[in-house]
């Protein structure tokens, strides 16, 4: 069963937003899941550049496509520190949970963390603790 068929079967309707962090997730299939005037938000480039896209795909439902880059949302060190502090506060207070879990490794195990990520041996987040 294709992605858009599973979404329609599960939710009985199309979605307004779809978030993609990898080109291997087939960006084009996301447009099949969108409601009219829906948006696909692409981010990250760990698996390489995205495949080319014919703009006519957007016209099938007056869709929007955007690419979000972290650097455009946090431009100065003070804002970065404020957001990072807020994020880690939410984590320690239990206000924010990751569905895939968190793997915490000491900074000295950075090579192990990279090997795990490259080998797709992780789920959720991998944090290096100084």
Protein backbone atom coordinates (compact mmCIF):
# COMPACT_ATOMS: atom_id res chain seq x y z
CA UNK A 1 0.00 0.00 0.00
CA UNK A 2 1.39 3.44 -0.93
CA UNK A 3 1.95 6.13 1.69
CA UNK A 4 -0.93 8.35 0.62
CA UNK A 5 -3.33 5.38 0.60
CA UNK A 6 -2.32 4.47 4.16
CA UNK A 7 -2.79 8.05 5.36
CA UNK A 8 -6.25 8.33 3.78
CA UNK A 9 -7.22 4.92 5.19
CA UNK A 10 -5.99 5.88 8.67
CA UNK A 11 -7.24 9.46 8.88
CA UNK A 12 -10.05 9.39 6.28
CA UNK A 13 -8.73 12.68 4.88
CA UNK A 14 -5.66 14.32 3.41
CA UNK A 15 -3.12 16.24 5.48
CA UNK A 16 -2.36 19.97 5.44
CA UNK A 17 1.35 19.65 6.27
CA UNK A 18 4.02 17.06 5.61
CA UNK A 19 7.57 17.25 7.00
CA UNK A 20 10.44 15.53 5.19
CA UNK A 21 13.99 15.23 6.46
CA UNK A 22 15.45 12.94 3.83
CA UNK A 23 15.28 12.60 0.08
CA UNK A 24 15.07 8.82 0.52
CA UNK A 25 11.57 9.29 1.95
CA UNK A 26 10.29 10.08 -1.56
CA UNK A 27 9.32 13.70 -1.51
CA UNK A 28 6.91 13.32 -4.44
CA UNK A 29 4.72 10.83 -2.55
CA UNK A 30 4.04 13.53 0.05
CA UNK A 31 2.13 15.59 -2.48
CA UNK A 32 -0.28 12.67 -2.96
CA UNK A 33 -1.15 12.95 0.75
CA UNK A 34 -1.81 16.68 0.81
CA UNK A 35 -5.14 18.42 0.99
CA UNK A 36 -5.70 21.30 -1.41
CA UNK A 37 -3.25 24.16 -0.65
CA UNK A 38 -1.23 21.86 1.62
CA UNK A 39 2.47 22.33 2.38
CA UNK A 40 5.48 20.03 2.26
CA UNK A 41 8.27 21.23 4.54
CA UNK A 42 11.66 19.75 3.65
CA UNK A 43 14.63 20.05 6.01
CA UNK A 44 18.04 18.49 6.51
CA UNK A 45 20.35 17.06 3.90
CA UNK A 46 22.07 14.16 5.61
CA UNK A 47 21.34 11.81 2.72
CA UNK A 48 22.35 14.28 0.01
CA UNK A 49 20.51 16.74 -2.20
CA UNK A 50 16.84 16.27 -2.99
CA UNK A 51 15.76 15.03 -6.39
CA UNK A 52 14.68 17.67 -8.94
CA UNK A 53 11.02 18.69 -8.82
CA UNK A 54 8.83 19.74 -11.72
CA UNK A 55 6.87 22.85 -10.59
CA UNK A 56 3.72 21.45 -12.22
CA UNK A 57 3.51 18.95 -9.35
CA UNK A 58 2.61 21.92 -7.12
CA UNK A 59 -0.23 22.87 -9.44
CA UNK A 60 -2.07 19.58 -8.88
CA UNK A 61 -3.50 21.02 -5.67
CA UNK A 62 -2.07 24.53 -5.40
CA UNK A 63 0.56 23.02 -3.08
CA UNK A 64 3.42 24.78 -1.34
CA UNK A 65 6.97 23.52 -0.91
CA UNK A 66 9.47 25.10 1.45
CA UNK A 67 12.89 24.20 2.80
CA UNK A 68 13.74 25.14 6.37
CA UNK A 69 17.36 25.69 7.41
CA UNK A 70 18.21 26.07 11.09
CA UNK A 71 20.67 28.88 10.43
CA UNK A 72 17.85 31.13 9.21
CA UNK A 73 15.87 30.73 12.42
CA UNK A 74 18.65 31.26 14.94
CA UNK A 75 21.15 33.90 13.82
CA UNK A 76 23.01 35.03 16.92
CA UNK A 77 24.67 33.17 19.82
CA UNK A 78 22.42 34.72 22.48
CA UNK A 79 19.28 33.45 20.77
CA UNK A 80 20.88 30.04 20.22
CA UNK A 81 21.78 29.77 23.92
CA UNK A 82 18.29 30.86 24.98
CA UNK A 83 16.62 28.26 22.74
CA UNK A 84 19.04 25.49 23.75
CA UNK A 85 18.48 26.22 27.44
CA UNK A 86 14.72 26.17 26.90
CA UNK A 87 14.92 22.86 25.01
CA UNK A 88 17.00 21.12 27.66
CA UNK A 89 14.78 22.50 30.42
CA UNK A 90 11.74 20.98 28.70
CA UNK A 91 13.59 17.66 28.41
CA UNK A 92 14.61 17.55 32.08
CA UNK A 93 11.12 18.57 33.23
CA UNK A 94 9.54 15.89 31.06
CA UNK A 95 7.55 18.45 29.03
CA UNK A 96 9.19 17.21 25.84
CA UNK A 97 9.57 13.55 24.95
CA UNK A 98 11.03 11.91 21.88
CA UNK A 99 9.00 9.06 20.47
CA UNK A 100 12.13 7.20 19.35
CA UNK A 101 13.92 7.67 22.64
CA UNK A 102 17.24 9.28 23.43
CA UNK A 103 20.68 7.68 23.43
CA UNK A 104 23.15 9.61 25.59
CA UNK A 105 26.84 8.87 25.16
CA UNK A 106 29.87 10.53 26.75
CA UNK A 107 31.71 12.94 24.48
CA UNK A 108 34.64 10.53 24.49
CA UNK A 109 32.41 8.09 22.53
CA UNK A 110 31.85 10.54 19.64
CA UNK A 111 33.29 8.06 17.13
CA UNK A 112 30.90 5.36 18.38
CA UNK A 113 27.98 7.81 18.00
CA UNK A 114 29.00 8.60 14.42
CA UNK A 115 29.37 4.90 13.61
CA UNK A 116 25.91 4.21 15.05
CA UNK A 117 24.37 7.02 12.98
CA UNK A 118 26.16 6.02 9.78
CA UNK A 119 25.16 2.40 10.30
CA UNK A 120 21.53 3.34 10.95
CA UNK A 121 21.72 1.61 14.32
CA UNK A 122 19.84 4.33 16.19
CA UNK A 123 16.29 5.46 16.68
CA UNK A 124 15.37 8.81 18.12
CA UNK A 125 18.05 11.27 19.20
CA UNK A 126 21.73 10.72 19.94
CA UNK A 127 23.24 13.21 22.41
CA UNK A 128 26.90 13.56 23.34
CA UNK A 129 27.38 14.60 26.96
CA UNK A 130 30.53 16.56 27.80
